[in-house]
């Protein structure tokens, strides 16, 4: 990261605070890294990067030298259909193999990386949606509107994952 700070620049869709630099990563053992866009873009142009996203996300762990990676993406499947879900799980596992191979060969710092564990099931972000008596619009959410009959609050940003997403690159 010190030799190539341009790889700290995340995707345009990610809102990252100032101070997101090498010193931050050295001083925060529980950091989350969003980046490698220039590396991944160049590797995609060469036909090496098969990832379906433009940045790598990794989460540092308390175990020295171990990180969690969030980089696979399986699009256009029905999470309520067991056959479709099985196909998505298989595709996700192939993506993991391709990702580790690419990281080892082409991304400095990952030369000795290996898979220690894989999530036992694919994470499905969108299936059924419940339509309630009331609906918060994006404008109300961004304005911080809290209805008087609220029973719970969330602290994560608005994060919508369409069922039929398209790639932005």
N, C-alpha and C. Protein backbone atom coordinates (compact mmCIF):
# COMPACT_ATOMS: atom_id res chain seq x y z
N UNK A 1 0.82 -1.19 0.00
CA UNK A 1 0.00 0.00 0.00
C UNK A 1 0.86 1.25 0.00
N UNK A 2 2.04 1.18 0.65
CA UNK A 2 2.92 2.35 0.66
C UNK A 2 3.49 2.61 -0.73
N UNK A 3 3.83 1.55 -1.46
CA UNK A 3 4.40 1.71 -2.79
C UNK A 3 3.37 2.09 -3.83
N UNK A 4 2.12 1.73 -3.62
CA UNK A 4 1.06 1.99 -4.60
C UNK A 4 -0.19 2.54 -3.91
N UNK A 5 -0.13 3.77 -3.38
CA UNK A 5 -1.28 4.33 -2.67
C UNK A 5 -2.53 4.48 -3.54
N UNK A 6 -2.34 4.49 -4.86
CA UNK A 6 -3.51 4.58 -5.74
C UNK A 6 -4.44 3.38 -5.57
N UNK A 7 -3.94 2.29 -5.02
CA UNK A 7 -4.76 1.11 -4.79
C UNK A 7 -5.64 1.23 -3.54
N UNK A 8 -5.50 2.34 -2.82
CA UNK A 8 -6.38 2.60 -1.69
C UNK A 8 -7.66 3.30 -2.13
N UNK A 9 -7.73 3.72 -3.37
CA UNK A 9 -8.91 4.42 -3.87
C UNK A 9 -10.02 3.41 -4.11
N UNK A 10 -11.14 3.52 -3.38
CA UNK A 10 -12.24 2.56 -3.54
C UNK A 10 -13.13 2.92 -4.72
N UNK A 11 -14.13 2.11 -4.96
CA UNK A 11 -15.10 2.37 -6.01
C UNK A 11 -15.82 3.68 -5.73
N UNK A 12 -16.28 4.34 -6.79
CA UNK A 12 -16.99 5.61 -6.63
C UNK A 12 -18.25 5.44 -5.77
N UNK A 13 -18.83 4.25 -5.78
CA UNK A 13 -20.07 4.02 -5.04
C UNK A 13 -19.84 3.88 -3.53
N UNK A 14 -18.57 3.80 -3.10
CA UNK A 14 -18.27 3.60 -1.68
C UNK A 14 -17.92 4.93 -1.03
N UNK A 15 -18.56 5.22 0.08
CA UNK A 15 -18.33 6.45 0.81
C UNK A 15 -17.29 6.18 1.90
N UNK A 16 -16.06 6.65 1.66
CA UNK A 16 -14.95 6.40 2.59
C UNK A 16 -14.50 7.72 3.18
N UNK A 17 -14.32 7.75 4.50
CA UNK A 17 -13.92 8.96 5.21
C UNK A 17 -12.48 9.34 4.91
N UNK A 18 -12.13 10.59 5.19
CA UNK A 18 -10.74 11.02 5.03
C UNK A 18 -9.87 10.29 6.05
N UNK A 19 -8.57 10.24 5.78
CA UNK A 19 -7.67 9.53 6.67
C UNK A 19 -7.56 8.05 6.35
N UNK A 20 -8.10 7.66 5.21
CA UNK A 20 -8.06 6.26 4.78
C UNK A 20 -6.74 6.06 4.05
N UNK A 21 -5.67 5.81 4.84
CA UNK A 21 -4.34 5.73 4.27
C UNK A 21 -3.54 4.62 4.95
N UNK A 22 -2.30 4.47 4.56
CA UNK A 22 -1.45 3.40 5.08
C UNK A 22 -1.32 3.49 6.60
N UNK A 23 -1.16 4.71 7.12
CA UNK A 23 -1.03 4.87 8.57
C UNK A 23 -2.27 4.35 9.29
N UNK A 24 -3.44 4.59 8.71
CA UNK A 24 -4.68 4.10 9.30
C UNK A 24 -4.64 2.58 9.42
N UNK A 25 -4.23 1.91 8.35
CA UNK A 25 -4.20 0.44 8.38
C UNK A 25 -3.19 -0.10 9.38
N UNK A 26 -2.07 0.58 9.51
CA UNK A 26 -1.05 0.14 10.46
C UNK A 26 -1.51 0.33 11.92
N UNK A 27 -2.34 1.34 12.16
CA UNK A 27 -2.74 1.64 13.53
C UNK A 27 -4.10 1.06 13.94
N UNK A 28 -4.81 0.44 13.02
CA UNK A 28 -6.12 -0.14 13.33
C UNK A 28 -6.14 -1.63 12.99
N UNK A 29 -5.93 -2.48 13.99
CA UNK A 29 -5.88 -3.92 13.71
C UNK A 29 -7.20 -4.51 13.23
N UNK A 30 -8.30 -3.82 13.43
CA UNK A 30 -9.59 -4.39 12.99
C UNK A 30 -10.14 -3.64 11.79
N UNK A 31 -9.25 -3.18 10.90
CA UNK A 31 -9.68 -2.38 9.76
C UNK A 31 -10.39 -3.20 8.68
N UNK A 32 -11.13 -2.48 7.88
CA UNK A 32 -11.74 -3.04 6.67
C UNK A 32 -11.11 -2.29 5.50
N UNK A 33 -10.61 -3.03 4.53
CA UNK A 33 -9.94 -2.45 3.38
C UNK A 33 -10.85 -2.52 2.16
N UNK A 34 -11.01 -1.42 1.47
CA UNK A 34 -11.78 -1.35 0.23
C UNK A 34 -10.86 -0.76 -0.82
N UNK A 35 -10.44 -1.55 -1.78
CA UNK A 35 -9.55 -0.96 -2.78
C UNK A 35 -9.05 -1.94 -3.81
N UNK A 36 -7.84 -1.69 -4.29
CA UNK A 36 -7.16 -2.41 -5.36
C UNK A 36 -7.79 -2.18 -6.72
N UNK A 37 -8.58 -1.12 -6.85
CA UNK A 37 -9.26 -0.88 -8.12
C UNK A 37 -8.28 -0.79 -9.31
N UNK A 38 -7.18 -0.04 -9.23
CA UNK A 38 -6.26 0.01 -10.37
C UNK A 38 -5.69 -1.37 -10.74
N UNK A 39 -5.28 -2.15 -9.74
CA UNK A 39 -4.78 -3.50 -10.03
C UNK A 39 -5.86 -4.34 -10.70
N UNK A 40 -7.03 -4.34 -10.12
CA UNK A 40 -8.11 -5.18 -10.64
C UNK A 40 -8.55 -4.75 -12.03
N UNK A 41 -8.57 -3.44 -12.27
CA UNK A 41 -8.94 -2.93 -13.60
C UNK A 41 -7.93 -3.38 -14.64
N UNK A 42 -6.65 -3.24 -14.33
CA UNK A 42 -5.59 -3.66 -15.26
C UNK A 42 -5.65 -5.17 -15.52
N UNK A 43 -5.85 -5.93 -14.46
CA UNK A 43 -5.93 -7.39 -14.63
C UNK A 43 -7.18 -7.79 -15.42
N UNK A 44 -8.26 -7.01 -15.31
CA UNK A 44 -9.46 -7.30 -16.09
C UNK A 44 -9.19 -7.04 -17.57
N UNK A 45 -8.49 -5.94 -17.88
CA UNK A 45 -8.15 -5.61 -19.27
C UNK A 45 -7.32 -6.71 -19.91
N UNK A 46 -6.49 -7.36 -19.11
CA UNK A 46 -5.64 -8.45 -19.61
C UNK A 46 -6.36 -9.79 -19.63
N UNK A 47 -7.62 -9.82 -19.18
CA UNK A 47 -8.38 -11.07 -19.16
C UNK A 47 -8.05 -11.98 -17.98
N UNK A 48 -7.35 -11.46 -16.99
CA UNK A 48 -6.93 -12.26 -15.83
C UNK A 48 -7.95 -12.17 -14.70
N UNK A 49 -8.48 -10.98 -14.47
CA UNK A 49 -9.43 -10.76 -13.38
C UNK A 49 -10.84 -11.11 -13.84
N UNK A 50 -11.42 -12.12 -13.23
CA UNK A 50 -12.78 -12.55 -13.58
C UNK A 50 -13.80 -12.08 -12.55
N UNK A 51 -13.34 -11.33 -11.53
CA UNK A 51 -14.25 -10.87 -10.48
C UNK A 51 -15.35 -9.99 -11.07
N UNK A 52 -16.52 -10.08 -10.48
CA UNK A 52 -17.66 -9.31 -10.96
C UNK A 52 -17.88 -8.07 -10.10
N UNK A 53 -16.78 -7.46 -9.69
CA UNK A 53 -16.84 -6.20 -8.95
C UNK A 53 -15.53 -5.48 -9.20
N UNK A 54 -15.51 -4.18 -8.88
CA UNK A 54 -14.33 -3.40 -9.23
C UNK A 54 -13.38 -3.13 -8.07
N UNK A 55 -13.70 -3.57 -6.87
CA UNK A 55 -12.79 -3.43 -5.74
C UNK A 55 -12.79 -4.72 -4.91
N UNK A 56 -11.73 -4.90 -4.18
CA UNK A 56 -11.62 -6.01 -3.25
C UNK A 56 -11.95 -5.48 -1.86
N UNK A 57 -12.71 -6.22 -1.11
CA UNK A 57 -13.00 -5.86 0.27
C UNK A 57 -12.36 -6.93 1.15
N UNK A 58 -11.53 -6.50 2.10
CA UNK A 58 -11.06 -7.47 3.08
C UNK A 58 -11.20 -6.91 4.47
N UNK A 59 -11.42 -7.83 5.39
CA UNK A 59 -11.61 -7.48 6.79
C UNK A 59 -10.47 -8.11 7.57
N UNK A 60 -9.68 -7.31 8.27
CA UNK A 60 -8.59 -7.85 9.06
C UNK A 60 -9.17 -8.62 10.25
N UNK A 61 -8.47 -9.63 10.70
CA UNK A 61 -8.93 -10.44 11.82
C UNK A 61 -7.94 -10.32 12.99
N UNK A 62 -8.32 -10.78 14.16
CA UNK A 62 -7.39 -10.78 15.29
C UNK A 62 -6.23 -11.77 15.10
N UNK A 63 -6.36 -12.69 14.17
CA UNK A 63 -5.32 -13.68 13.91
C UNK A 63 -4.28 -13.08 12.97
N UNK A 64 -3.02 -12.95 13.40
CA UNK A 64 -1.98 -12.34 12.57
C UNK A 64 -1.88 -13.02 11.20
N UNK A 65 -1.88 -12.21 10.16
CA UNK A 65 -1.73 -12.72 8.80
C UNK A 65 -3.01 -13.27 8.19
N UNK A 66 -4.12 -13.21 8.90
CA UNK A 66 -5.37 -13.76 8.38
C UNK A 66 -6.37 -12.65 8.13
N UNK A 67 -7.00 -12.68 6.96
CA UNK A 67 -8.05 -11.72 6.62
C UNK A 67 -9.25 -12.47 6.06
N UNK A 68 -10.39 -11.81 6.11
CA UNK A 68 -11.59 -12.31 5.44
C UNK A 68 -11.75 -11.50 4.16
N UNK A 69 -12.09 -12.16 3.07
CA UNK A 69 -12.26 -11.46 1.80
C UNK A 69 -13.70 -11.53 1.35
N UNK A 70 -14.21 -10.39 0.93
CA UNK A 70 -15.54 -10.29 0.35
C UNK A 70 -15.33 -9.85 -1.09
N UNK A 71 -15.36 -10.78 -2.02
CA UNK A 71 -15.07 -10.40 -3.41
C UNK A 71 -15.86 -11.20 -4.43
N UNK A 72 -16.47 -12.29 -4.02
CA UNK A 72 -17.24 -13.05 -5.00
C UNK A 72 -18.59 -12.38 -5.20
N UNK A 73 -19.17 -12.60 -6.34
CA UNK A 73 -20.50 -12.05 -6.63
C UNK A 73 -21.15 -12.93 -7.67
N UNK A 74 -22.27 -13.50 -7.29
CA UNK A 74 -23.05 -14.33 -8.22
C UNK A 74 -24.33 -13.56 -8.50
N UNK A 75 -24.56 -13.25 -9.76
CA UNK A 75 -25.71 -12.45 -10.15
C UNK A 75 -26.77 -13.31 -10.85
N UNK A 76 -27.96 -12.77 -10.87
CA UNK A 76 -29.05 -13.32 -11.69
C UNK A 76 -29.42 -14.76 -11.35
N UNK A 77 -29.67 -15.02 -10.08
CA UNK A 77 -30.21 -16.32 -9.68
C UNK A 77 -31.34 -16.09 -8.69
N UNK A 78 -32.19 -17.08 -8.56
CA UNK A 78 -33.35 -17.00 -7.68
C UNK A 78 -33.02 -17.69 -6.36
N UNK A 79 -32.86 -16.90 -5.30
CA UNK A 79 -32.51 -17.44 -4.00
C UNK A 79 -33.61 -18.24 -3.34
N UNK A 80 -34.80 -18.29 -3.95
CA UNK A 80 -35.89 -19.10 -3.41
C UNK A 80 -36.02 -20.43 -4.12
N UNK A 81 -35.23 -20.65 -5.17
CA UNK A 81 -35.27 -21.88 -5.95
C UNK A 81 -34.05 -22.75 -5.59
N UNK A 82 -34.27 -23.94 -5.00
CA UNK A 82 -33.14 -24.76 -4.56
C UNK A 82 -32.17 -25.14 -5.68
N UNK A 83 -32.66 -25.35 -6.88
CA UNK A 83 -31.77 -25.71 -8.00
C UNK A 83 -30.93 -24.50 -8.41
N UNK A 84 -31.55 -23.34 -8.48
CA UNK A 84 -30.84 -22.12 -8.82
C UNK A 84 -29.82 -21.78 -7.73
N UNK A 85 -30.20 -21.96 -6.49
CA UNK A 85 -29.33 -21.69 -5.36
C UNK A 85 -28.11 -22.61 -5.38
N UNK A 86 -28.32 -23.88 -5.72
CA UNK A 86 -27.20 -24.83 -5.82
C UNK A 86 -26.24 -24.39 -6.91
N UNK A 87 -26.76 -23.98 -8.05
CA UNK A 87 -25.91 -23.51 -9.14
C UNK A 87 -25.11 -22.28 -8.73
N UNK A 88 -25.75 -21.39 -7.97
CA UNK A 88 -25.07 -20.19 -7.50
C UNK A 88 -23.94 -20.55 -6.53
N UNK A 89 -24.19 -21.50 -5.66
CA UNK A 89 -23.13 -21.93 -4.71
C UNK A 89 -21.94 -22.50 -5.47
N UNK A 90 -22.21 -23.29 -6.47
CA UNK A 90 -21.12 -23.88 -7.27
C UNK A 90 -20.34 -22.78 -7.98
N UNK A 91 -21.05 -21.83 -8.60
CA UNK A 91 -20.37 -20.72 -9.27
C UNK A 91 -19.53 -19.92 -8.27
N UNK A 92 -20.07 -19.67 -7.09
CA UNK A 92 -19.33 -18.94 -6.07
C UNK A 92 -18.03 -19.63 -5.68
N UNK A 93 -18.07 -20.95 -5.57
CA UNK A 93 -16.85 -21.70 -5.22
C UNK A 93 -15.81 -21.61 -6.34
N UNK A 94 -16.26 -21.65 -7.59
CA UNK A 94 -15.31 -21.48 -8.69
C UNK A 94 -14.70 -20.07 -8.66
N UNK A 95 -15.50 -19.08 -8.31
CA UNK A 95 -14.98 -17.71 -8.21
C UNK A 95 -13.90 -17.62 -7.14
N UNK A 96 -14.07 -18.33 -6.04
CA UNK A 96 -13.08 -18.32 -4.96
C UNK A 96 -11.74 -18.86 -5.46
N UNK A 97 -11.79 -19.97 -6.18
CA UNK A 97 -10.56 -20.57 -6.71
C UNK A 97 -9.86 -19.59 -7.66
N UNK A 98 -10.62 -18.98 -8.58
CA UNK A 98 -10.04 -18.01 -9.52
C UNK A 98 -9.46 -16.81 -8.78
N UNK A 99 -10.16 -16.33 -7.76
CA UNK A 99 -9.71 -15.17 -7.00
C UNK A 99 -8.38 -15.44 -6.30
N UNK A 100 -8.28 -16.54 -5.60
CA UNK A 100 -7.05 -16.86 -4.88
C UNK A 100 -5.89 -17.03 -5.86
N UNK A 101 -6.14 -17.69 -6.98
CA UNK A 101 -5.10 -17.87 -7.99
C UNK A 101 -4.62 -16.51 -8.51
N UNK A 102 -5.55 -15.61 -8.79
CA UNK A 102 -5.18 -14.28 -9.30
C UNK A 102 -4.40 -13.50 -8.24
N UNK A 103 -4.88 -13.51 -7.00
CA UNK A 103 -4.19 -12.77 -5.94
C UNK A 103 -2.76 -13.27 -5.76
N UNK A 104 -2.58 -14.58 -5.72
CA UNK A 104 -1.24 -15.16 -5.52
C UNK A 104 -0.28 -14.76 -6.63
N UNK A 105 -0.76 -14.79 -7.85
CA UNK A 105 0.12 -14.56 -9.00
C UNK A 105 0.37 -13.09 -9.31
N UNK A 106 -0.61 -12.22 -9.02
CA UNK A 106 -0.52 -10.88 -9.56
C UNK A 106 -0.61 -9.72 -8.56
N UNK A 107 -0.98 -9.97 -7.32
CA UNK A 107 -1.16 -8.86 -6.39
C UNK A 107 -0.11 -8.95 -5.28
N UNK A 108 0.81 -7.96 -5.24
CA UNK A 108 1.86 -7.98 -4.21
C UNK A 108 1.28 -8.08 -2.80
N UNK A 109 1.89 -8.93 -2.00
CA UNK A 109 1.44 -9.14 -0.63
C UNK A 109 0.59 -10.38 -0.47
N UNK A 110 0.10 -10.92 -1.57
CA UNK A 110 -0.74 -12.12 -1.52
C UNK A 110 -0.02 -13.36 -2.06
N UNK A 111 1.28 -13.27 -2.26
CA UNK A 111 2.03 -14.38 -2.88
C UNK A 111 1.85 -15.71 -2.16
N UNK A 112 1.69 -15.68 -0.85
CA UNK A 112 1.58 -16.92 -0.07
C UNK A 112 0.18 -17.14 0.48
N UNK A 113 -0.81 -16.48 -0.10
CA UNK A 113 -2.17 -16.63 0.43
C UNK A 113 -2.75 -18.00 0.11
N UNK A 114 -3.67 -18.42 0.94
CA UNK A 114 -4.36 -19.69 0.74
C UNK A 114 -5.73 -19.61 1.41
N UNK A 115 -6.59 -20.53 1.06
CA UNK A 115 -7.93 -20.57 1.63
C UNK A 115 -7.88 -21.36 2.93
N UNK A 116 -8.33 -20.76 4.02
CA UNK A 116 -8.38 -21.48 5.29
C UNK A 116 -9.80 -21.94 5.59
N UNK A 117 -10.77 -21.20 5.12
CA UNK A 117 -12.17 -21.58 5.33
C UNK A 117 -13.04 -20.85 4.31
N UNK A 118 -14.18 -21.41 4.04
CA UNK A 118 -15.15 -20.80 3.12
C UNK A 118 -16.50 -20.82 3.83
N UNK A 119 -17.24 -19.74 3.68
CA UNK A 119 -18.57 -19.70 4.27
C UNK A 119 -19.37 -20.92 3.79
N UNK A 120 -20.08 -21.61 4.67
CA UNK A 120 -20.75 -22.85 4.28
C UNK A 120 -21.92 -22.68 3.31
N UNK A 121 -22.46 -21.48 3.21
CA UNK A 121 -23.55 -21.25 2.26
C UNK A 121 -23.36 -19.89 1.61
N UNK A 122 -23.94 -19.75 0.44
CA UNK A 122 -23.87 -18.47 -0.26
C UNK A 122 -24.76 -17.46 0.47
N UNK A 123 -24.31 -16.24 0.52
CA UNK A 123 -25.12 -15.19 1.14
C UNK A 123 -26.07 -14.60 0.12
N UNK A 124 -27.35 -14.69 0.37
CA UNK A 124 -28.35 -14.17 -0.55
C UNK A 124 -28.85 -12.84 0.00
N UNK A 125 -28.70 -11.78 -0.77
CA UNK A 125 -29.08 -10.45 -0.31
C UNK A 125 -30.54 -10.13 -0.59
N UNK A 126 -31.09 -10.66 -1.66
CA UNK A 126 -32.45 -10.30 -2.04
C UNK A 126 -33.24 -11.55 -2.44
N UNK A 127 -34.38 -11.72 -1.85
CA UNK A 127 -35.33 -12.75 -2.30
C UNK A 127 -36.71 -12.14 -2.22
N UNK A 128 -37.41 -12.42 -1.18
CA UNK A 128 -38.76 -11.87 -1.01
C UNK A 128 -38.68 -10.52 -0.30
N UNK A 129 -39.63 -9.68 -0.58
CA UNK A 129 -39.72 -8.40 0.12
C UNK A 129 -41.11 -8.30 0.73
N UNK A 130 -41.16 -7.72 1.90
CA UNK A 130 -42.42 -7.56 2.61
C UNK A 130 -42.89 -6.13 2.42
N UNK A 131 -44.12 -5.99 2.00
CA UNK A 131 -44.70 -4.65 1.88
C UNK A 131 -45.52 -4.39 3.12
N UNK A 132 -45.10 -3.41 3.91
CA UNK A 132 -45.78 -3.09 5.15
C UNK A 132 -46.90 -2.08 4.95
N UNK A 133 -47.47 -1.69 6.05
CA UNK A 133 -48.53 -0.69 6.01
C UNK A 133 -47.95 0.68 5.63
N UNK A 134 -46.69 0.89 5.97
CA UNK A 134 -46.02 2.14 5.65
C UNK A 134 -44.69 1.82 4.97
N UNK A 135 -44.22 2.74 4.17
CA UNK A 135 -42.95 2.56 3.48
C UNK A 135 -42.11 3.82 3.67
N UNK A 136 -40.87 3.66 4.09
CA UNK A 136 -39.96 4.80 4.17
C UNK A 136 -39.35 5.02 2.79
N UNK A 137 -39.42 6.22 2.30
CA UNK A 137 -38.78 6.54 1.03
C UNK A 137 -37.30 6.82 1.27
N UNK A 138 -36.52 6.77 0.21
CA UNK A 138 -35.10 7.05 0.33
C UNK A 138 -34.87 8.47 0.85
N UNK A 139 -35.71 9.41 0.44
CA UNK A 139 -35.57 10.79 0.92
C UNK A 139 -35.75 10.87 2.44
N UNK A 140 -36.74 10.16 2.96
CA UNK A 140 -36.98 10.19 4.40
C UNK A 140 -35.84 9.51 5.16
N UNK A 141 -35.33 8.42 4.61
CA UNK A 141 -34.21 7.72 5.26
C UNK A 141 -32.99 8.63 5.31
N UNK A 142 -32.65 9.25 4.19
CA UNK A 142 -31.47 10.12 4.14
C UNK A 142 -31.64 11.37 5.01
N UNK A 143 -32.87 11.80 5.23
CA UNK A 143 -33.13 12.96 6.08
C UNK A 143 -33.15 12.58 7.57
N UNK A 144 -33.08 11.28 7.88
CA UNK A 144 -33.06 10.83 9.27
C UNK A 144 -34.43 10.80 9.91
N UNK A 145 -35.46 10.73 9.11
CA UNK A 145 -36.82 10.70 9.62
C UNK A 145 -37.06 9.43 10.43
N UNK A 146 -37.60 9.58 11.64
CA UNK A 146 -37.93 8.44 12.50
C UNK A 146 -39.42 8.54 12.83
N UNK A 147 -40.24 7.65 12.28
CA UNK A 147 -41.68 7.69 12.56
C UNK A 147 -41.96 7.49 14.05
N UNK A 148 -43.09 8.02 14.53
CA UNK A 148 -43.44 7.93 15.96
C UNK A 148 -43.71 6.49 16.40
N UNK A 149 -44.06 5.61 15.47
CA UNK A 149 -44.36 4.21 15.83
C UNK A 149 -43.18 3.27 15.56
N UNK A 150 -41.98 3.81 15.50
CA UNK A 150 -40.77 3.02 15.23
C UNK A 150 -40.54 1.99 16.33
N UNK A 151 -40.17 0.77 15.94
CA UNK A 151 -39.87 -0.29 16.91
C UNK A 151 -38.40 -0.71 16.86
N UNK A 152 -37.66 -0.28 15.85
CA UNK A 152 -36.24 -0.64 15.74
C UNK A 152 -35.53 0.38 14.85
N UNK A 153 -34.23 0.54 15.06
CA UNK A 153 -33.42 1.42 14.25
C UNK A 153 -32.24 0.64 13.69
N UNK A 154 -31.81 0.99 12.49
CA UNK A 154 -30.63 0.37 11.88
C UNK A 154 -29.52 1.40 11.79
N UNK A 155 -28.29 0.93 11.70
CA UNK A 155 -27.16 1.85 11.65
C UNK A 155 -26.33 1.69 10.39
N UNK A 156 -26.79 0.87 9.44
CA UNK A 156 -26.01 0.66 8.23
C UNK A 156 -26.54 1.56 7.13
N UNK A 157 -25.69 1.89 6.19
CA UNK A 157 -26.09 2.77 5.09
C UNK A 157 -27.17 2.10 4.23
N UNK A 158 -27.80 2.86 3.38
CA UNK A 158 -28.75 2.30 2.43
C UNK A 158 -27.96 1.44 1.47
N UNK A 159 -28.30 0.18 1.37
CA UNK A 159 -27.51 -0.79 0.61
C UNK A 159 -28.49 -1.68 -0.16
N UNK A 160 -28.82 -1.29 -1.36
CA UNK A 160 -29.81 -2.01 -2.15
C UNK A 160 -29.11 -2.89 -3.16
N UNK A 161 -29.47 -4.15 -3.17
CA UNK A 161 -28.91 -5.12 -4.12
C UNK A 161 -30.04 -5.65 -4.96
N UNK A 162 -30.10 -5.24 -6.21
CA UNK A 162 -31.16 -5.68 -7.10
C UNK A 162 -31.04 -7.15 -7.43
N UNK A 163 -32.17 -7.75 -7.72
CA UNK A 163 -32.20 -9.16 -8.09
C UNK A 163 -31.49 -9.39 -9.40
N UNK A 164 -31.59 -8.46 -10.32
CA UNK A 164 -30.96 -8.58 -11.63
C UNK A 164 -29.95 -7.47 -11.83
N UNK A 165 -28.91 -7.47 -11.01
CA UNK A 165 -27.88 -6.42 -11.09
C UNK A 165 -27.10 -6.54 -12.38
N UNK A 166 -26.58 -5.43 -12.82
CA UNK A 166 -25.66 -5.41 -13.95
C UNK A 166 -24.34 -4.88 -13.46
N UNK A 167 -23.30 -5.21 -14.16
CA UNK A 167 -21.97 -4.76 -13.76
C UNK A 167 -21.73 -3.35 -14.26
N UNK A 168 -20.96 -2.58 -13.50
CA UNK A 168 -20.73 -1.19 -13.83
C UNK A 168 -19.44 -0.97 -14.61
N UNK A 169 -18.80 -2.02 -15.08
CA UNK A 169 -17.53 -1.83 -15.80
C UNK A 169 -17.50 -2.64 -17.05
